[in-house]
Amino acid sequence: QFSILDGLTTKVNLYKSRFSSDYSEWQDPRNSRGQGDTGKAIRRNRLWDRNLLEWTANYTKAFGSAEEHKVDAIVGYSWENNLYADQKSEATNFAVGSMGADNIQSGNLLKIGNVTSSRNEYKLISLFARAHYSFKERYMITATVRRDGSSKFGANHKWGTFPSVSAAWGISQESFMKDTKWINDLKLRAGYGITGNQDGLRPYKSLDLYSASGTYYNNGSWPTAFRPSQNANPNLKWEQTAMLNIGLDFTLFNSR
């Protein structure tokens, strides 16, 4: 974090996380689950990776004869990348099972589908800004806007804009309330905003996808055939939720 000018600071956050899982299973031919397969071995490895960069600049200033005006503003940029990878191997019919899943290649029977791997990845880029102004802690207004882009969505709607605005009136700060001793704090507030959501949506839902579907004959061999499993949806877009809040906050009787 750096202080550039009086009231102006900038900050950069870098974040990296990695979670990995290594799974091993061995069903010995001498037990009931492994007996029918003459031994069964499974190895599975999974990886979750997340990288995040966030930059913000914050400006805070109080001015006026008694510093009755206060301004607080922030602008920022964030970049996020998420990756998931998976690999699984399974074999049966072991002549020698002393090493179990640590020697999975010694299994004599490997069926189609017993070795699989997958990988998916998505990115999120955000630009955001917020400004807050207050006068004598009596009148307050806040406005925010976000511009978010996600690789999960279709070509026509990868970006979404999500604004909000709120205002508050500190009624208890008014001169006509100074003799009302039983009210310690009274504030009227209202706000309206739109938020966007991409959670719950898997990557690549907007793209043409193909999956294996049987085999076909080609020059004496039977290679795997593929067929379309998902149509493209260029209009897949952000889920949006709009919300209106109106509230009255109060504290009474010496904050009881």
C-alpha atoms as a PDB file:
ATOM      1  CA  GLN A   1       0.000   0.000   0.000  1.00  0.00           C
ATOM      2  CA  PHE A   2       1.309   3.443  -0.944  1.00  0.00           C
ATOM      3  CA  SER A   3       0.331   6.958   0.090  1.00  0.00           C
ATOM      4  CA  ILE A   4       0.552   9.167  -3.001  1.00  0.00           C
ATOM      5  CA  LEU A   5      -0.959  12.476  -1.884  1.00  0.00           C
ATOM      6  CA  ASP A   6      -2.743  13.747   1.175  1.00  0.00           C
ATOM      7  CA  GLY A   7      -5.839  11.570   1.391  1.00  0.00           C
ATOM      8  CA  LEU A   8      -4.964   9.454  -1.654  1.00  0.00           C
ATOM      9  CA  THR A   9      -3.685   5.898  -1.232  1.00  0.00           C
ATOM     10  CA  THR A  10      -3.324   2.989  -3.609  1.00  0.00           C
ATOM     11  CA  LYS A  11      -3.113  -0.699  -2.792  1.00  0.00           C
ATOM     12  CA  VAL A  12      -2.329  -3.915  -4.657  1.00  0.00           C
ATOM     13  CA  ASN A  13      -3.298  -7.392  -3.455  1.00  0.00           C
ATOM     14  CA  LEU A  14      -1.923 -10.595  -4.970  1.00  0.00           C
ATOM     15  CA  TYR A  15      -3.516 -13.891  -3.971  1.00  0.00           C
ATOM     16  CA  LYS A  16      -2.638 -17.468  -4.880  1.00  0.00           C
ATOM     17  CA  SER A  17      -4.236 -20.657  -3.630  1.00  0.00           C
ATOM     18  CA  ARG A  18      -3.773 -24.275  -4.638  1.00  0.00           C
ATOM     19  CA  PHE A  19      -5.578 -27.305  -3.286  1.00  0.00           C
ATOM     20  CA  SER A  20      -4.694 -30.799  -4.458  1.00  0.00           C
ATOM     21  CA  SER A  21      -6.165 -34.184  -3.678  1.00  0.00           C
ATOM     22  CA  ASP A  22      -4.567 -37.607  -4.214  1.00  0.00           C
ATOM     23  CA  TYR A  23      -6.925 -40.572  -3.821  1.00  0.00           C
ATOM     24  CA  SER A  24      -5.888 -44.227  -3.831  1.00  0.00           C
ATOM     25  CA  GLU A  25      -8.132 -47.310  -3.516  1.00  0.00           C
ATOM     26  CA  TRP A  26      -7.280 -51.005  -3.603  1.00  0.00           C
ATOM     27  CA  GLN A  27      -9.814 -53.835  -3.407  1.00  0.00           C
ATOM     28  CA  ASP A  28      -7.922 -57.046  -2.710  1.00  0.00           C
ATOM     29  CA  PRO A  29      -9.081 -60.240  -4.508  1.00  0.00           C
ATOM     30  CA  ARG A  30      -9.491 -61.831  -1.085  1.00  0.00           C
ATOM     31  CA  ASN A  31     -12.320 -59.527  -0.018  1.00  0.00           C
ATOM     32  CA  SER A  32     -15.888 -59.503  -1.319  1.00  0.00           C
ATOM     33  CA  ARG A  33     -15.630 -56.255  -3.321  1.00  0.00           C
ATOM     34  CA  GLY A  34     -12.425 -57.169  -5.133  1.00  0.00           C
ATOM     35  CA  GLN A  35     -13.056 -60.857  -5.631  1.00  0.00           C
ATOM     36  CA  GLY A  36     -15.246 -60.563  -8.734  1.00  0.00           C
ATOM     37  CA  ASP A  37     -12.726 -58.311 -10.499  1.00  0.00           C
ATOM     38  CA  THR A  38      -9.668 -60.314  -9.352  1.00  0.00           C
ATOM     39  CA  GLY A  39      -8.486 -57.164  -7.649  1.00  0.00           C
ATOM     40  CA  LYS A  40      -9.427 -53.572  -8.392  1.00  0.00           C
ATOM     41  CA  ALA A  41      -7.218 -50.471  -8.189  1.00  0.00           C
ATOM     42  CA  ILE A  42      -8.185 -46.788  -8.527  1.00  0.00           C
ATOM     43  CA  ARG A  43      -5.985 -43.696  -8.525  1.00  0.00           C
ATOM     44  CA  ARG A  44      -7.418 -40.203  -8.765  1.00  0.00           C
ATOM     45  CA  ASN A  45      -5.748 -36.788  -8.664  1.00  0.00           C
ATOM     46  CA  ARG A  46      -7.556 -33.450  -8.527  1.00  0.00           C
ATOM     47  CA  LEU A  47      -6.321 -29.873  -8.539  1.00  0.00           C
ATOM     48  CA  TRP A  48      -8.000 -26.553  -7.737  1.00  0.00           C
ATOM     49  CA  ASP A  49      -6.049 -23.397  -8.610  1.00  0.00           C
ATOM     50  CA  ARG A  50      -7.018 -19.767  -8.010  1.00  0.00           C
ATOM     51  CA  ASN A  51      -5.081 -16.611  -8.893  1.00  0.00           C
ATOM     52  CA  LEU A  52      -6.310 -13.135  -8.010  1.00  0.00           C
ATOM     53  CA  LEU A  53      -4.948  -9.639  -8.572  1.00  0.00           C
ATOM     54  CA  GLU A  54      -6.733  -6.606  -7.157  1.00  0.00           C
ATOM     55  CA  TRP A  55      -5.777  -2.940  -7.425  1.00  0.00           C
ATOM     56  CA  THR A  56      -7.601  -0.090  -5.669  1.00  0.00           C
ATOM     57  CA  ALA A  57      -7.129   3.649  -5.235  1.00  0.00           C
ATOM     58  CA  ASN A  58      -8.876   5.340  -2.318  1.00  0.00           C
ATOM     59  CA  TYR A  59      -9.430   9.051  -1.746  1.00  0.00           C
ATOM     60  CA  THR A  60     -10.652  10.466   1.560  1.00  0.00           C
ATOM     61  CA  LYS A  61     -11.076  14.180   2.227  1.00  0.00           C
ATOM     62  CA  ALA A  62     -12.822  16.390   4.774  1.00  0.00           C
ATOM     63  CA  PHE A  63     -13.256  20.084   3.991  1.00  0.00           C
ATOM     64  CA  GLY A  64     -15.222  23.142   4.964  1.00  0.00           C
ATOM     65  CA  SER A  65     -14.903  25.461   7.985  1.00  0.00           C
ATOM     66  CA  ALA A  66     -15.501  22.647  10.459  1.00  0.00           C
ATOM     67  CA  GLU A  67     -14.719  19.807   8.087  1.00  0.00           C
ATOM     68  CA  GLU A  68     -18.464  19.333   7.776  1.00  0.00           C
ATOM     69  CA  HIS A  69     -18.143  17.981   4.233  1.00  0.00           C
ATOM     70  CA  LYS A  70     -16.622  14.509   3.838  1.00  0.00           C
ATOM     71  CA  VAL A  71     -15.865  12.627   0.664  1.00  0.00           C
ATOM     72  CA  ASP A  72     -14.706   9.012   0.370  1.00  0.00           C
ATOM     73  CA  ALA A  73     -14.172   7.453  -3.052  1.00  0.00           C
ATOM     74  CA  ILE A  74     -12.594   4.283  -4.373  1.00  0.00           C
ATOM     75  CA  VAL A  75     -11.885   2.912  -7.834  1.00  0.00           C
ATOM     76  CA  GLY A  76     -10.484  -0.507  -8.559  1.00  0.00           C
ATOM     77  CA  TYR A  77      -9.685  -3.325 -10.941  1.00  0.00           C
ATOM     78  CA  SER A  78      -9.548  -7.067 -10.293  1.00  0.00           C
ATOM     79  CA  TRP A  79      -8.510 -10.075 -12.362  1.00  0.00           C
ATOM     80  CA  GLU A  80      -9.267 -13.640 -11.298  1.00  0.00           C
ATOM     81  CA  ASN A  81      -8.467 -17.015 -12.829  1.00  0.00           C
ATOM     82  CA  ASN A  82      -9.878 -20.338 -11.592  1.00  0.00           C
ATOM     83  CA  LEU A  83      -8.740 -23.760 -12.777  1.00  0.00           C
ATOM     84  CA  TYR A  84      -9.907 -27.291 -12.002  1.00  0.00           C
ATOM     85  CA  ALA A  85      -8.197 -30.448 -13.321  1.00  0.00           C
ATOM     86  CA  ASP A  86      -8.992 -34.113 -12.708  1.00  0.00           C
ATOM     87  CA  GLN A  87      -7.434 -37.448 -13.685  1.00  0.00           C
ATOM     88  CA  LYS A  88      -8.670 -40.937 -12.796  1.00  0.00           C
ATOM     89  CA  SER A  89      -7.299 -44.392 -13.634  1.00  0.00           C
ATOM     90  CA  GLU A  90      -8.919 -47.733 -12.842  1.00  0.00           C
ATOM     91  CA  ALA A  91      -7.781 -51.286 -13.604  1.00  0.00           C
ATOM     92  CA  THR A  92      -8.853 -54.819 -12.655  1.00  0.00           C
ATOM     93  CA  ASN A  93      -7.678 -58.420 -13.026  1.00  0.00           C
ATOM     94  CA  PHE A  94      -4.377 -58.325 -11.145  1.00  0.00           C
ATOM     95  CA  ALA A  95      -2.143 -61.387 -11.288  1.00  0.00           C
ATOM     96  CA  VAL A  96      -0.025 -59.935  -8.472  1.00  0.00           C
ATOM     97  CA  GLY A  97      -1.658 -57.478  -6.111  1.00  0.00           C
ATOM     98  CA  SER A  98       1.050 -56.859  -3.542  1.00  0.00           C
ATOM     99  CA  MET A  99       1.521 -53.222  -4.617  1.00  0.00           C
ATOM    100  CA  GLY A 100      -2.167 -52.526  -5.209  1.00  0.00           C
ATOM    101  CA  ALA A 101      -2.958 -49.063  -6.562  1.00  0.00           C
ATOM    102  CA  ASP A 102       0.738 -48.127  -6.544  1.00  0.00           C
ATOM    103  CA  ASN A 103       1.297 -50.480  -9.482  1.00  0.00           C
ATOM    104  CA  ILE A 104      -1.929 -49.919 -11.387  1.00  0.00           C
ATOM    105  CA  GLN A 105      -0.343 -50.737 -14.752  1.00  0.00           C
ATOM    106  CA  SER A 106      -0.027 -54.402 -13.680  1.00  0.00           C
ATOM    107  CA  GLY A 107      -3.802 -54.805 -13.999  1.00  0.00           C
ATOM    108  CA  ASN A 108      -4.589 -56.964 -17.033  1.00  0.00           C
ATOM    109  CA  LEU A 109      -8.026 -55.536 -17.830  1.00  0.00           C
ATOM    110  CA  LEU A 110      -8.553 -51.916 -18.821  1.00  0.00           C
ATOM    111  CA  LYS A 111     -11.999 -50.996 -20.157  1.00  0.00           C
ATOM    112  CA  ILE A 112     -12.990 -47.939 -22.170  1.00  0.00           C
ATOM    113  CA  GLY A 113     -13.810 -45.210 -19.691  1.00  0.00           C
ATOM    114  CA  ASN A 114     -11.494 -46.535 -16.984  1.00  0.00           C
ATOM    115  CA  VAL A 115      -8.932 -43.812 -17.731  1.00  0.00           C
ATOM    116  CA  THR A 116     -10.393 -40.302 -17.751  1.00  0.00           C
ATOM    117  CA  SER A 117      -9.172 -36.753 -17.414  1.00  0.00           C
ATOM    118  CA  SER A 118     -10.825 -33.356 -17.451  1.00  0.00           C
ATOM    119  CA  ARG A 119      -9.968 -29.704 -17.100  1.00  0.00           C
ATOM    120  CA  ASN A 120     -11.960 -26.493 -16.962  1.00  0.00           C
ATOM    121  CA  GLU A 121     -11.009 -22.888 -16.452  1.00  0.00           C
ATOM    122  CA  TYR A 122     -12.747 -19.537 -16.261  1.00  0.00           C
ATOM    123  CA  LYS A 123     -11.727 -15.896 -15.823  1.00  0.00           C
ATOM    124  CA  LEU A 124     -13.396 -12.916 -14.210  1.00  0.00           C
ATOM    125  CA  ILE A 125     -12.410  -9.278 -14.772  1.00  0.00           C
ATOM    126  CA  SER A 126     -14.004  -6.429 -12.812  1.00  0.00           C
ATOM    127  CA  LEU A 127     -13.875  -2.638 -12.826  1.00  0.00           C
ATOM    128  CA  PHE A 128     -15.581  -0.925  -9.914  1.00  0.00           C
ATOM    129  CA  ALA A 129     -16.053   2.477  -8.305  1.00  0.00           C
ATOM    130  CA  ARG A 130     -17.774   3.850  -5.218  1.00  0.00           C
ATOM    131  CA  ALA A 131     -18.284   7.428  -4.009  1.00  0.00           C
ATOM    132  CA  HIS A 132     -19.683   8.528  -0.651  1.00  0.00           C
ATOM    133  CA  TYR A 133     -20.524  12.071   0.437  1.00  0.00           C
ATOM    134  CA  SER A 134     -21.796  13.271   3.804  1.00  0.00           C
ATOM    135  CA  PHE A 135     -22.638  16.700   5.217  1.00  0.00           C
ATOM    136  CA  LYS A 136     -22.337  17.078   8.997  1.00  0.00           C
ATOM    137  CA  GLU A 137     -23.012  13.334   9.253  1.00  0.00           C
ATOM    138  CA  ARG A 138     -26.609  14.394   8.614  1.00  0.00           C
ATOM    139  CA  TYR A 139     -27.118  13.925   4.891  1.00  0.00           C
ATOM    140  CA  MET A 140     -25.372  11.037   3.196  1.00  0.00           C
ATOM    141  CA  ILE A 141     -25.386   9.607  -0.297  1.00  0.00           C
ATOM    142  CA  THR A 142     -23.443   6.682  -1.775  1.00  0.00           C
ATOM    143  CA  ALA A 143     -23.232   5.524  -5.388  1.00  0.00           C
ATOM    144  CA  THR A 144     -21.459   2.441  -6.742  1.00  0.00           C
ATOM    145  CA  VAL A 145     -21.011   0.834 -10.140  1.00  0.00           C
ATOM    146  CA  ARG A 146     -19.405  -2.416 -11.237  1.00  0.00           C
ATOM    147  CA  ARG A 147     -18.481  -3.587 -14.709  1.00  0.00           C
ATOM    148  CA  ASP A 148     -17.871  -7.345 -14.640  1.00  0.00           C
ATOM    149  CA  GLY A 149     -16.797  -9.659 -17.442  1.00  0.00           C
ATOM    150  CA  SER A 150     -16.854 -13.448 -17.153  1.00  0.00           C
ATOM    151  CA  SER A 151     -15.658 -16.065 -19.627  1.00  0.00           C
ATOM    152  CA  LYS A 152     -18.597 -18.277 -18.563  1.00  0.00           C
ATOM    153  CA  PHE A 153     -21.108 -16.308 -20.604  1.00  0.00           C
ATOM    154  CA  GLY A 154     -21.961 -16.135 -24.285  1.00  0.00           C
ATOM    155  CA  ALA A 155     -20.148 -14.029 -26.850  1.00  0.00           C
ATOM    156  CA  ASN A 156     -22.908 -11.401 -26.838  1.00  0.00           C
ATOM    157  CA  HIS A 157     -23.171 -10.963 -23.068  1.00  0.00           C
ATOM    158  CA  LYS A 158     -19.837 -11.568 -21.366  1.00  0.00           C
ATOM    159  CA  TRP A 159     -19.991  -8.154 -19.666  1.00  0.00           C
ATOM    160  CA  GLY A 160     -22.560  -6.775 -17.268  1.00  0.00           C
ATOM    161  CA  THR A 161     -22.975  -3.399 -15.534  1.00  0.00           C
ATOM    162  CA  PHE A 162     -24.377  -3.284 -12.003  1.00  0.00           C
ATOM    163  CA  PRO A 163     -25.112   0.106 -10.364  1.00  0.00           C
ATOM    164  CA  SER A 164     -26.495   1.028  -6.959  1.00  0.00           C
ATOM    165  CA  VAL A 165     -27.337   4.195  -5.046  1.00  0.00           C
ATOM    166  CA  SER A 166     -28.325   4.826  -1.446  1.00  0.00           C
ATOM    167  CA  ALA A 167     -29.087   7.849   0.722  1.00  0.00           C
ATOM    168  CA  ALA A 168     -29.566   8.458   4.427  1.00  0.00           C
ATOM    169  CA  TRP A 169     -30.879  11.290   6.584  1.00  0.00           C
ATOM    170  CA  GLY A 170     -29.627  11.584  10.149  1.00  0.00           C
ATOM    171  CA  ILE A 171     -32.814  12.999  11.623  1.00  0.00           C
ATOM    172  CA  SER A 172     -31.447  12.981  15.167  1.00  0.00           C
ATOM    173  CA  GLN A 173     -28.718  15.415  14.039  1.00  0.00           C
ATOM    174  CA  GLU A 174     -31.273  18.096  13.163  1.00  0.00           C
ATOM    175  CA  SER A 175     -31.691  21.095  15.448  1.00  0.00           C
ATOM    176  CA  PHE A 176     -35.380  20.375  16.038  1.00  0.00           C
ATOM    177  CA  MET A 177     -34.396  17.045  17.637  1.00  0.00           C
ATOM    178  CA  LYS A 178     -31.939  18.417  20.191  1.00  0.00           C
ATOM    179  CA  ASP A 179     -34.520  18.535  23.021  1.00  0.00           C
ATOM    180  CA  THR A 180     -35.790  15.015  22.370  1.00  0.00           C
ATOM    181  CA  LYS A 181     -33.624  13.270  24.939  1.00  0.00           C
ATOM    182  CA  TRP A 182     -35.240   9.843  24.785  1.00  0.00           C
ATOM    183  CA  ILE A 183     -34.120   9.393  21.158  1.00  0.00           C
ATOM    184  CA  ASN A 184     -30.369   8.834  20.960  1.00  0.00           C
ATOM    185  CA  ASP A 185     -30.132   8.168  17.230  1.00  0.00           C
ATOM    186  CA  LEU A 186     -32.652   8.261  14.390  1.00  0.00           C
ATOM    187  CA  LYS A 187     -31.800   7.702  10.736  1.00  0.00           C
ATOM    188  CA  LEU A 188     -33.933   7.240   7.635  1.00  0.00           C
ATOM    189  CA  ARG A 189     -32.285   5.413   4.740  1.00  0.00           C
ATOM    190  CA  ALA A 190     -33.148   4.060   1.316  1.00  0.00           C
ATOM    191  CA  GLY A 191     -31.207   2.221  -1.343  1.00  0.00           C
ATOM    192  CA  TYR A 192     -31.630   0.569  -4.705  1.00  0.00           C
ATOM    193  CA  GLY A 193     -29.165  -1.589  -6.585  1.00  0.00           C
ATOM    194  CA  ILE A 194     -28.617  -4.358  -9.106  1.00  0.00           C
ATOM    195  CA  THR A 195     -26.194  -7.235  -8.490  1.00  0.00           C
ATOM    196  CA  GLY A 196     -24.876  -9.816 -10.930  1.00  0.00           C
ATOM    197  CA  ASN A 197     -24.249 -13.502 -10.301  1.00  0.00           C
ATOM    198  CA  GLN A 198     -22.187 -16.150 -12.127  1.00  0.00           C
ATOM    199  CA  ASP A 199     -21.962 -18.760  -9.347  1.00  0.00           C
ATOM    200  CA  GLY A 200     -23.615 -22.096  -9.997  1.00  0.00           C
ATOM    201  CA  LEU A 201     -22.880 -21.903 -13.729  1.00  0.00           C
ATOM    202  CA  ARG A 202     -20.189 -24.256 -14.987  1.00  0.00           C
ATOM    203  CA  PRO A 203     -17.663 -23.034 -17.571  1.00  0.00           C
ATOM    204  CA  TYR A 204     -18.296 -23.659 -21.285  1.00  0.00           C
ATOM    205  CA  LYS A 205     -22.112 -23.715 -21.007  1.00  0.00           C
ATOM    206  CA  SER A 206     -22.277 -21.172 -23.865  1.00  0.00           C
ATOM    207  CA  LEU A 207     -20.155 -23.205 -26.315  1.00  0.00           C
ATOM    208  CA  ASP A 208     -20.648 -26.047 -28.785  1.00  0.00           C
ATOM    209  CA  LEU A 209     -19.582 -29.247 -26.997  1.00  0.00           C
ATOM    210  CA  TYR A 210     -19.002 -32.779 -28.281  1.00  0.00           C
ATOM    211  CA  SER A 211     -18.867 -36.068 -26.399  1.00  0.00           C
ATOM    212  CA  ALA A 212     -17.862 -39.642 -27.226  1.00  0.00           C
ATOM    213  CA  SER A 213     -20.678 -41.790 -28.596  1.00  0.00           C
ATOM    214  CA  GLY A 214     -19.793 -45.331 -29.596  1.00  0.00           C
ATOM    215  CA  THR A 215     -17.376 -46.282 -32.374  1.00  0.00           C
ATOM    216  CA  TYR A 216     -17.298 -46.402 -36.165  1.00  0.00           C
ATOM    217  CA  TYR A 217     -15.489 -48.577 -38.680  1.00  0.00           C
ATOM    218  CA  ASN A 218     -12.559 -47.008 -40.520  1.00  0.00           C
ATOM    219  CA  ASN A 219     -10.058 -48.992 -42.581  1.00  0.00           C
ATOM    220  CA  GLY A 220     -10.057 -52.066 -40.375  1.00  0.00           C
ATOM    221  CA  SER A 221     -10.213 -50.272 -37.011  1.00  0.00           C
ATOM    222  CA  TRP A 222     -12.969 -48.985 -34.730  1.00  0.00           C
ATOM    223  CA  PRO A 223     -12.083 -45.463 -33.525  1.00  0.00           C
ATOM    224  CA  THR A 224     -14.283 -43.559 -31.083  1.00  0.00           C
ATOM    225  CA  ALA A 225     -17.104 -41.513 -32.598  1.00  0.00           C
ATOM    226  CA  PHE A 226     -18.152 -38.105 -31.320  1.00  0.00           C
ATOM    227  CA  ARG A 227     -21.483 -36.312 -31.490  1.00  0.00           C
ATOM    228  CA  PRO A 228     -22.741 -32.852 -30.465  1.00  0.00           C
ATOM    229  CA  SER A 229     -23.767 -32.842 -26.819  1.00  0.00           C
ATOM    230  CA  GLN A 230     -24.497 -29.137 -26.344  1.00  0.00           C
ATOM    231  CA  ASN A 231     -25.523 -26.323 -28.660  1.00  0.00           C
ATOM    232  CA  ALA A 232     -23.853 -22.926 -28.479  1.00  0.00           C
ATOM    233  CA  ASN A 233     -25.727 -20.173 -26.648  1.00  0.00           C
ATOM    234  CA  PRO A 234     -24.165 -16.777 -27.448  1.00  0.00           C
ATOM    235  CA  ASN A 235     -26.948 -15.047 -25.469  1.00  0.00           C
ATOM    236  CA  LEU A 236     -26.223 -16.743 -22.144  1.00  0.00           C
ATOM    237  CA  LYS A 237     -25.852 -13.798 -19.751  1.00  0.00           C
ATOM    238  CA  TRP A 238     -25.471 -12.662 -16.166  1.00  0.00           C
ATOM    239  CA  GLU A 239     -28.156 -13.402 -13.631  1.00  0.00           C
ATOM    240  CA  GLN A 240     -29.339 -10.036 -12.281  1.00  0.00           C
ATOM    241  CA  THR A 241     -31.119  -9.272  -9.041  1.00  0.00           C
ATOM    242  CA  ALA A 242     -32.586  -5.840  -8.281  1.00  0.00           C
ATOM    243  CA  MET A 243     -33.306  -4.872  -4.687  1.00  0.00           C
ATOM    244  CA  LEU A 244     -34.943  -1.892  -2.986  1.00  0.00           C
ATOM    245  CA  ASN A 245     -34.380  -1.261   0.731  1.00  0.00           C
ATOM    246  CA  ILE A 246     -36.078   1.366   2.898  1.00  0.00           C
ATOM    247  CA  GLY A 247     -35.339   1.446   6.604  1.00  0.00           C
ATOM    248  CA  LEU A 248     -35.554   3.460   9.804  1.00  0.00           C
ATOM    249  CA  ASP A 249     -32.745   2.952  12.307  1.00  0.00           C
ATOM    250  CA  PHE A 250     -33.228   4.164  15.862  1.00  0.00           C
ATOM    251  CA  THR A 251     -31.673   3.917  19.313  1.00  0.00           C
ATOM    252  CA  LEU A 252     -33.791   4.841  22.319  1.00  0.00           C
ATOM    253  CA  PHE A 253     -33.580   5.489  26.071  1.00  0.00           C
ATOM    254  CA  ASN A 254     -29.828   5.970  26.580  1.00  0.00           C
ATOM    255  CA  SER A 255     -29.071   3.250  24.024  1.00  0.00           C
ATOM    256  CA  ARG A 256     -31.151   0.643  25.787  1.00  0.00           C
END
